[in-house]
N, C-alpha and C. Protein backbone atom coordinates (compact mmCIF):
# COMPACT_ATOMS: atom_id res chain seq x y z
N MET A 1 -1.61 -3.12 9.04
CA MET A 1 -1.40 -2.43 7.79
C MET A 1 -0.99 -3.41 6.69
N PHE A 2 0.01 -4.27 6.98
CA PHE A 2 0.49 -5.18 5.95
C PHE A 2 -0.33 -6.47 5.87
N GLY A 3 -1.10 -6.79 6.90
CA GLY A 3 -1.83 -8.03 6.94
C GLY A 3 -3.19 -7.99 6.27
N LYS A 4 -3.64 -6.82 5.89
CA LYS A 4 -4.98 -6.70 5.30
C LYS A 4 -4.89 -6.34 3.82
N ILE A 5 -5.79 -6.92 3.06
CA ILE A 5 -5.87 -6.61 1.64
C ILE A 5 -7.05 -5.67 1.44
N GLY A 6 -6.78 -4.55 0.82
CA GLY A 6 -7.84 -3.58 0.55
C GLY A 6 -8.61 -3.94 -0.70
N MET A 7 -9.67 -3.19 -0.93
CA MET A 7 -10.53 -3.45 -2.08
C MET A 7 -9.78 -3.22 -3.39
N SER A 8 -8.94 -2.20 -3.46
CA SER A 8 -8.22 -1.93 -4.71
C SER A 8 -7.23 -3.04 -5.02
N GLU A 9 -6.54 -3.56 -4.00
CA GLU A 9 -5.61 -4.66 -4.23
C GLU A 9 -6.34 -5.91 -4.69
N LEU A 10 -7.49 -6.18 -4.10
CA LEU A 10 -8.29 -7.34 -4.49
C LEU A 10 -8.74 -7.24 -5.94
N VAL A 11 -9.15 -6.06 -6.36
CA VAL A 11 -9.58 -5.85 -7.74
C VAL A 11 -8.42 -6.07 -8.70
N VAL A 12 -7.24 -5.58 -8.36
CA VAL A 12 -6.07 -5.77 -9.22
C VAL A 12 -5.74 -7.25 -9.35
N VAL A 13 -5.77 -7.99 -8.24
CA VAL A 13 -5.48 -9.42 -8.28
C VAL A 13 -6.51 -10.15 -9.14
N LEU A 14 -7.78 -9.81 -9.00
CA LEU A 14 -8.82 -10.46 -9.80
C LEU A 14 -8.68 -10.15 -11.28
N ILE A 15 -8.31 -8.92 -11.62
CA ILE A 15 -8.12 -8.56 -13.03
C ILE A 15 -6.93 -9.33 -13.61
N ILE A 16 -5.85 -9.43 -12.86
CA ILE A 16 -4.69 -10.19 -13.33
C ILE A 16 -5.05 -11.66 -13.52
N ALA A 17 -5.79 -12.23 -12.57
CA ALA A 17 -6.21 -13.63 -12.68
C ALA A 17 -7.11 -13.82 -13.90
N LEU A 18 -7.98 -12.87 -14.16
CA LEU A 18 -8.87 -12.96 -15.32
C LEU A 18 -8.08 -12.94 -16.62
N VAL A 19 -7.07 -12.09 -16.68
CA VAL A 19 -6.25 -12.00 -17.89
C VAL A 19 -5.43 -13.28 -18.08
N ILE A 20 -4.86 -13.80 -17.00
CA ILE A 20 -3.98 -14.97 -17.10
C ILE A 20 -4.78 -16.24 -17.41
N PHE A 21 -5.85 -16.48 -16.65
CA PHE A 21 -6.56 -17.76 -16.76
C PHE A 21 -7.79 -17.71 -17.65
N GLY A 22 -8.36 -16.56 -17.86
CA GLY A 22 -9.55 -16.45 -18.67
C GLY A 22 -10.80 -16.69 -17.84
N PRO A 23 -11.93 -16.23 -18.35
CA PRO A 23 -13.18 -16.32 -17.57
C PRO A 23 -13.70 -17.74 -17.37
N SER A 24 -13.33 -18.66 -18.22
CA SER A 24 -13.86 -20.02 -18.09
C SER A 24 -13.16 -20.81 -16.98
N LYS A 25 -11.92 -20.48 -16.67
CA LYS A 25 -11.16 -21.22 -15.65
C LYS A 25 -11.33 -20.65 -14.25
N LEU A 26 -11.75 -19.40 -14.11
CA LEU A 26 -11.83 -18.80 -12.78
C LEU A 26 -12.76 -19.54 -11.82
N PRO A 27 -13.94 -19.98 -12.23
CA PRO A 27 -14.77 -20.73 -11.28
C PRO A 27 -14.12 -22.03 -10.80
N GLU A 28 -13.42 -22.72 -11.70
CA GLU A 28 -12.73 -23.95 -11.31
C GLU A 28 -11.61 -23.67 -10.32
N ILE A 29 -10.87 -22.61 -10.57
CA ILE A 29 -9.77 -22.23 -9.67
C ILE A 29 -10.32 -21.83 -8.31
N GLY A 30 -11.40 -21.07 -8.31
CA GLY A 30 -12.03 -20.66 -7.05
C GLY A 30 -12.53 -21.85 -6.24
N LYS A 31 -13.13 -22.79 -6.93
CA LYS A 31 -13.64 -23.99 -6.25
C LYS A 31 -12.49 -24.80 -5.66
N ALA A 32 -11.42 -24.97 -6.41
CA ALA A 32 -10.26 -25.72 -5.92
C ALA A 32 -9.61 -25.01 -4.74
N PHE A 33 -9.51 -23.69 -4.83
CA PHE A 33 -8.93 -22.92 -3.73
C PHE A 33 -9.78 -23.02 -2.48
N GLY A 34 -11.09 -22.93 -2.63
CA GLY A 34 -11.99 -23.06 -1.48
C GLY A 34 -11.91 -24.43 -0.84
N LYS A 35 -11.84 -25.46 -1.64
CA LYS A 35 -11.72 -26.82 -1.12
C LYS A 35 -10.41 -27.00 -0.36
N ALA A 36 -9.32 -26.50 -0.94
CA ALA A 36 -8.02 -26.60 -0.28
C ALA A 36 -8.00 -25.83 1.04
N LEU A 37 -8.60 -24.67 1.05
CA LEU A 37 -8.67 -23.87 2.27
C LEU A 37 -9.49 -24.58 3.34
N GLY A 38 -10.59 -25.20 2.95
CA GLY A 38 -11.40 -25.95 3.90
C GLY A 38 -10.65 -27.13 4.49
N GLU A 39 -9.92 -27.85 3.66
CA GLU A 39 -9.12 -28.98 4.15
C GLU A 39 -8.02 -28.51 5.09
N PHE A 40 -7.39 -27.38 4.75
CA PHE A 40 -6.35 -26.83 5.61
C PHE A 40 -6.92 -26.48 6.98
N ARG A 41 -8.07 -25.84 7.01
CA ARG A 41 -8.70 -25.47 8.29
C ARG A 41 -9.06 -26.70 9.11
N THR A 42 -9.57 -27.74 8.44
CA THR A 42 -9.92 -28.97 9.14
C THR A 42 -8.70 -29.60 9.78
N HIS A 43 -7.62 -29.69 9.02
CA HIS A 43 -6.39 -30.31 9.55
C HIS A 43 -5.76 -29.45 10.64
N ALA A 44 -5.80 -28.14 10.46
CA ALA A 44 -5.24 -27.24 11.48
C ALA A 44 -6.03 -27.36 12.78
N LYS A 45 -7.34 -27.49 12.68
CA LYS A 45 -8.18 -27.64 13.88
C LYS A 45 -7.88 -28.96 14.57
N LYS A 46 -7.71 -30.03 13.79
CA LYS A 46 -7.40 -31.33 14.37
C LYS A 46 -6.05 -31.31 15.08
N ILE A 47 -5.06 -30.70 14.47
CA ILE A 47 -3.74 -30.60 15.10
C ILE A 47 -3.83 -29.80 16.39
N SER A 48 -4.58 -28.72 16.35
CA SER A 48 -4.75 -27.89 17.55
C SER A 48 -5.43 -28.68 18.67
N GLU A 49 -6.45 -29.45 18.32
CA GLU A 49 -7.14 -30.28 19.32
C GLU A 49 -6.21 -31.35 19.89
N ASP A 50 -5.40 -31.96 19.03
CA ASP A 50 -4.45 -32.98 19.49
C ASP A 50 -3.43 -32.39 20.45
N ILE A 51 -2.92 -31.21 20.12
CA ILE A 51 -1.94 -30.56 20.99
C ILE A 51 -2.58 -30.21 22.33
N GLU A 52 -3.79 -29.69 22.29
CA GLU A 52 -4.48 -29.33 23.54
C GLU A 52 -4.75 -30.58 24.38
N LYS A 53 -5.15 -31.66 23.73
CA LYS A 53 -5.39 -32.91 24.44
C LYS A 53 -4.11 -33.43 25.09
N ASP A 54 -3.00 -33.37 24.35
CA ASP A 54 -1.73 -33.85 24.90
C ASP A 54 -1.24 -33.00 26.06
N THR A 55 -1.44 -31.71 25.99
CA THR A 55 -0.99 -30.84 27.08
C THR A 55 -1.88 -31.02 28.32
N ASN A 56 -3.14 -31.36 28.14
CA ASN A 56 -4.01 -31.57 29.29
C ASN A 56 -3.73 -32.89 29.99
N GLU A 57 -3.14 -33.85 29.26
CA GLU A 57 -2.83 -35.15 29.85
C GLU A 57 -1.61 -35.07 30.77
N LEU A 58 -0.78 -34.07 30.59
CA LEU A 58 0.44 -33.95 31.42
C LEU A 58 0.09 -33.46 32.74
């Protein structure tokens, strides 16, 4: 219930972002957010692989 964002909440967040940043900045913000999320996933996967490798060596 608390972990999911519904369509209405997403629309409200997007409208607030549009008002705060304006239409010209939203694509840049989206691109930066996507890049950061991709880097986070890459590092999280590497950490997970390292932990699994270390536990298998024991």
